[in-house]
Amino acid sequence: MFDGVYVDGANWGDAGVRSGFAPYPAQQAQFLNYAFRDCEFEWSTGTMLDFRMGGSIYLHGGSWILCDTTETTISAMIKLGRNSIAEGSWRFLAQRVRFELRSKYHRIIDLRVGRR
């Protein structure tokens, strides 16, 4: 659980938190649980949560801001989708969270349908 964490100005690159170990697809077949309560994240580029291998995400309160304002960078706050591990196990719950996107190329959730 992440409780009251504050991060400002980070560049996550690939991901801030990832469900599963790299490299894809040879990863553990565990169900991973993450909770974020009253956290404030402000980052420049990259993905905060990458859960393409399954898992459980609980967000409660806080503020998530993707600060990059360029018109060419495609970024997502949270990536979900199917990269195997029996198509992943999913649970996603967000309550009272403020999401702010500063570019038309940003997404709160990137939900991948099918395999990539």
C-alpha atoms as a PDB file:
ATOM      1  CA  MET A   1       0.000   0.000   0.000  1.00  0.00           C
ATOM      2  CA  PHE A   2       1.129   3.519  -0.830  1.00  0.00           C
ATOM      3  CA  ASP A   3      -0.322   5.937   1.713  1.00  0.00           C
ATOM      4  CA  GLY A   4       0.067   9.714   1.356  1.00  0.00           C
ATOM      5  CA  VAL A   5       2.985   9.494  -1.098  1.00  0.00           C
ATOM      6  CA  TYR A   6       3.980  12.695  -2.927  1.00  0.00           C
ATOM      7  CA  VAL A   7       6.025  12.615  -6.157  1.00  0.00           C
ATOM      8  CA  ASP A   8       6.717  15.746  -8.222  1.00  0.00           C
ATOM      9  CA  GLY A   9       8.520  16.089 -11.561  1.00  0.00           C
ATOM     10  CA  ALA A  10       9.331  12.424 -12.166  1.00  0.00           C
ATOM     11  CA  ASN A  11       9.975  10.946 -15.607  1.00  0.00           C
ATOM     12  CA  TRP A  12       8.815   7.348 -15.322  1.00  0.00           C
ATOM     13  CA  GLY A  13      10.144   6.315 -18.710  1.00  0.00           C
ATOM     14  CA  ASP A  14       8.695   2.818 -19.048  1.00  0.00           C
ATOM     15  CA  ALA A  15       6.628   2.674 -15.823  1.00  0.00           C
ATOM     16  CA  GLY A  16       6.529   3.906 -12.242  1.00  0.00           C
ATOM     17  CA  VAL A  17       4.983   0.638 -10.957  1.00  0.00           C
ATOM     18  CA  ARG A  18       4.655  -2.555 -13.005  1.00  0.00           C
ATOM     19  CA  SER A  19       2.732  -5.721 -12.250  1.00  0.00           C
ATOM     20  CA  GLY A  20       5.138  -8.502 -13.135  1.00  0.00           C
ATOM     21  CA  PHE A  21       8.833  -8.718 -13.827  1.00  0.00           C
ATOM     22  CA  ALA A  22      10.610  -7.851 -17.086  1.00  0.00           C
ATOM     23  CA  PRO A  23      11.236  -8.991 -19.721  1.00  0.00           C
ATOM     24  CA  TYR A  24       7.850  -9.800 -21.212  1.00  0.00           C
ATOM     25  CA  PRO A  25       6.298 -12.376 -21.414  1.00  0.00           C
ATOM     26  CA  ALA A  26       8.328 -14.665 -19.113  1.00  0.00           C
ATOM     27  CA  GLN A  27       6.965 -13.306 -15.830  1.00  0.00           C
ATOM     28  CA  GLN A  28       5.556 -14.661 -12.610  1.00  0.00           C
ATOM     29  CA  ALA A  29       1.983 -15.925 -12.546  1.00  0.00           C
ATOM     30  CA  GLN A  30       1.049 -14.104  -9.336  1.00  0.00           C
ATOM     31  CA  PHE A  31      -1.940 -11.984  -8.599  1.00  0.00           C
ATOM     32  CA  LEU A  32      -0.521  -8.659  -7.457  1.00  0.00           C
ATOM     33  CA  ASN A  33      -2.413  -6.148  -5.343  1.00  0.00           C
ATOM     34  CA  TYR A  34      -1.621  -2.440  -5.114  1.00  0.00           C
ATOM     35  CA  ALA A  35      -3.438   0.262  -3.146  1.00  0.00           C
ATOM     36  CA  PHE A  36      -2.815   4.004  -3.405  1.00  0.00           C
ATOM     37  CA  ARG A  37      -4.496   6.140  -0.743  1.00  0.00           C
ATOM     38  CA  ASP A  38      -4.364   9.956  -0.704  1.00  0.00           C
ATOM     39  CA  CYS A  39      -1.312  10.073  -2.981  1.00  0.00           C
ATOM     40  CA  GLU A  40      -0.229  13.014  -5.115  1.00  0.00           C
ATOM     41  CA  PHE A  41       1.638  12.172  -8.306  1.00  0.00           C
ATOM     42  CA  GLU A  42       2.810  14.791 -10.804  1.00  0.00           C
ATOM     43  CA  TRP A  43       5.052  13.446 -13.550  1.00  0.00           C
ATOM     44  CA  SER A  44       6.352  14.601 -16.898  1.00  0.00           C
ATOM     45  CA  THR A  45       6.318  11.537 -19.140  1.00  0.00           C
ATOM     46  CA  GLY A  46       5.718   7.822 -19.044  1.00  0.00           C
ATOM     47  CA  THR A  47       3.162   5.549 -17.429  1.00  0.00           C
ATOM     48  CA  MET A  48       2.501   5.507 -13.691  1.00  0.00           C
ATOM     49  CA  LEU A  49       0.979   1.999 -13.492  1.00  0.00           C
ATOM     50  CA  ASP A  50       1.616  -0.785 -16.017  1.00  0.00           C
ATOM     51  CA  PHE A  51      -0.618  -3.773 -15.247  1.00  0.00           C
ATOM     52  CA  ARG A  52      -0.558  -5.636 -18.568  1.00  0.00           C
ATOM     53  CA  MET A  53       0.100  -8.913 -16.715  1.00  0.00           C
ATOM     54  CA  GLY A  54      -2.915  -8.732 -14.395  1.00  0.00           C
ATOM     55  CA  GLY A  55      -3.373  -7.618 -10.831  1.00  0.00           C
ATOM     56  CA  SER A  56      -5.576  -5.507  -8.631  1.00  0.00           C
ATOM     57  CA  ILE A  57      -5.509  -1.718  -8.331  1.00  0.00           C
ATOM     58  CA  TYR A  58      -7.290   0.349  -5.690  1.00  0.00           C
ATOM     59  CA  LEU A  59      -7.071   4.161  -5.795  1.00  0.00           C
ATOM     60  CA  HIS A  60      -8.655   6.275  -3.085  1.00  0.00           C
ATOM     61  CA  GLY A  61      -8.362  10.040  -2.884  1.00  0.00           C
ATOM     62  CA  GLY A  62      -5.385  12.044  -4.013  1.00  0.00           C
ATOM     63  CA  SER A  63      -4.393  13.767  -7.217  1.00  0.00           C
ATOM     64  CA  TRP A  64      -2.742  12.357 -10.349  1.00  0.00           C
ATOM     65  CA  ILE A  65      -1.403  14.878 -12.881  1.00  0.00           C
ATOM     66  CA  LEU A  66       0.383  14.069 -16.139  1.00  0.00           C
ATOM     67  CA  CYS A  67       2.224  17.370 -16.675  1.00  0.00           C
ATOM     68  CA  ASP A  68       3.752  17.031 -20.162  1.00  0.00           C
ATOM     69  CA  THR A  69       2.163  19.652 -22.433  1.00  0.00           C
ATOM     70  CA  THR A  70       3.789  18.707 -25.742  1.00  0.00           C
ATOM     71  CA  GLU A  71       1.472  17.877 -28.574  1.00  0.00           C
ATOM     72  CA  THR A  72       3.435  14.830 -29.753  1.00  0.00           C
ATOM     73  CA  THR A  73       3.920  12.618 -26.689  1.00  0.00           C
ATOM     74  CA  ILE A  74       1.326   9.863 -26.282  1.00  0.00           C
ATOM     75  CA  SER A  75       1.121   8.897 -22.607  1.00  0.00           C
ATOM     76  CA  ALA A  76      -1.269   6.997 -20.353  1.00  0.00           C
ATOM     77  CA  MET A  77      -1.537   7.137 -16.581  1.00  0.00           C
ATOM     78  CA  ILE A  78      -2.560   3.492 -16.271  1.00  0.00           C
ATOM     79  CA  LYS A  79      -2.004   0.670 -18.775  1.00  0.00           C
ATOM     80  CA  LEU A  80      -4.208  -2.393 -18.559  1.00  0.00           C
ATOM     81  CA  GLY A  81      -4.515  -5.190 -21.040  1.00  0.00           C
ATOM     82  CA  ARG A  82      -3.632  -8.668 -22.106  1.00  0.00           C
ATOM     83  CA  ASN A  83      -0.014  -9.734 -22.293  1.00  0.00           C
ATOM     84  CA  SER A  84      -0.756 -13.336 -21.260  1.00  0.00           C
ATOM     85  CA  ILE A  85      -0.614 -14.955 -17.774  1.00  0.00           C
ATOM     86  CA  ALA A  86      -3.913 -16.560 -18.746  1.00  0.00           C
ATOM     87  CA  GLU A  87      -5.188 -13.158 -19.925  1.00  0.00           C
ATOM     88  CA  GLY A  88      -4.613 -11.633 -16.479  1.00  0.00           C
ATOM     89  CA  SER A  89      -6.825 -11.203 -13.441  1.00  0.00           C
ATOM     90  CA  TRP A  90      -8.281  -7.753 -13.033  1.00  0.00           C
ATOM     91  CA  ARG A  91      -9.785  -5.556 -10.385  1.00  0.00           C
ATOM     92  CA  PHE A  92      -9.748  -1.784 -10.725  1.00  0.00           C
ATOM     93  CA  LEU A  93     -11.430   0.631  -8.336  1.00  0.00           C
ATOM     94  CA  ALA A  94     -10.921   4.401  -8.179  1.00  0.00           C
ATOM     95  CA  GLN A  95     -12.764   6.571  -5.663  1.00  0.00           C
ATOM     96  CA  ARG A  96     -12.467  10.336  -5.097  1.00  0.00           C
ATOM     97  CA  VAL A  97      -9.325  10.679  -7.228  1.00  0.00           C
ATOM     98  CA  ARG A  98      -8.571  13.828  -9.219  1.00  0.00           C
ATOM     99  CA  PHE A  99      -7.055  13.030 -12.627  1.00  0.00           C
ATOM    100  CA  GLU A 100      -5.638  15.862 -14.741  1.00  0.00           C
ATOM    101  CA  LEU A 101      -4.423  15.535 -18.314  1.00  0.00           C
ATOM    102  CA  ARG A 102      -2.626  18.429 -20.004  1.00  0.00           C
ATOM    103  CA  SER A 103      -2.476  17.199 -23.588  1.00  0.00           C
ATOM    104  CA  LYS A 104      -5.005  15.777 -26.002  1.00  0.00           C
ATOM    105  CA  TYR A 105      -2.589  12.842 -26.429  1.00  0.00           C
ATOM    106  CA  HIS A 106      -2.879  11.782 -22.792  1.00  0.00           C
ATOM    107  CA  ARG A 107      -5.156   9.040 -21.510  1.00  0.00           C
ATOM    108  CA  ILE A 108      -6.141   8.107 -17.997  1.00  0.00           C
ATOM    109  CA  ILE A 109      -6.442   4.422 -18.906  1.00  0.00           C
ATOM    110  CA  ASP A 110      -4.952   2.636 -21.904  1.00  0.00           C
ATOM    111  CA  LEU A 111      -6.935  -0.584 -22.182  1.00  0.00           C
ATOM    112  CA  ARG A 112      -5.310  -2.909 -24.659  1.00  0.00           C
ATOM    113  CA  VAL A 113      -7.738  -5.212 -26.395  1.00  0.00           C
ATOM    114  CA  GLY A 114      -6.178  -8.374 -27.767  1.00  0.00           C
ATOM    115  CA  ARG A 115      -2.470  -9.174 -27.780  1.00  0.00           C
ATOM    116  CA  ARG A 116       0.263  -6.741 -28.715  1.00  0.00           C
END
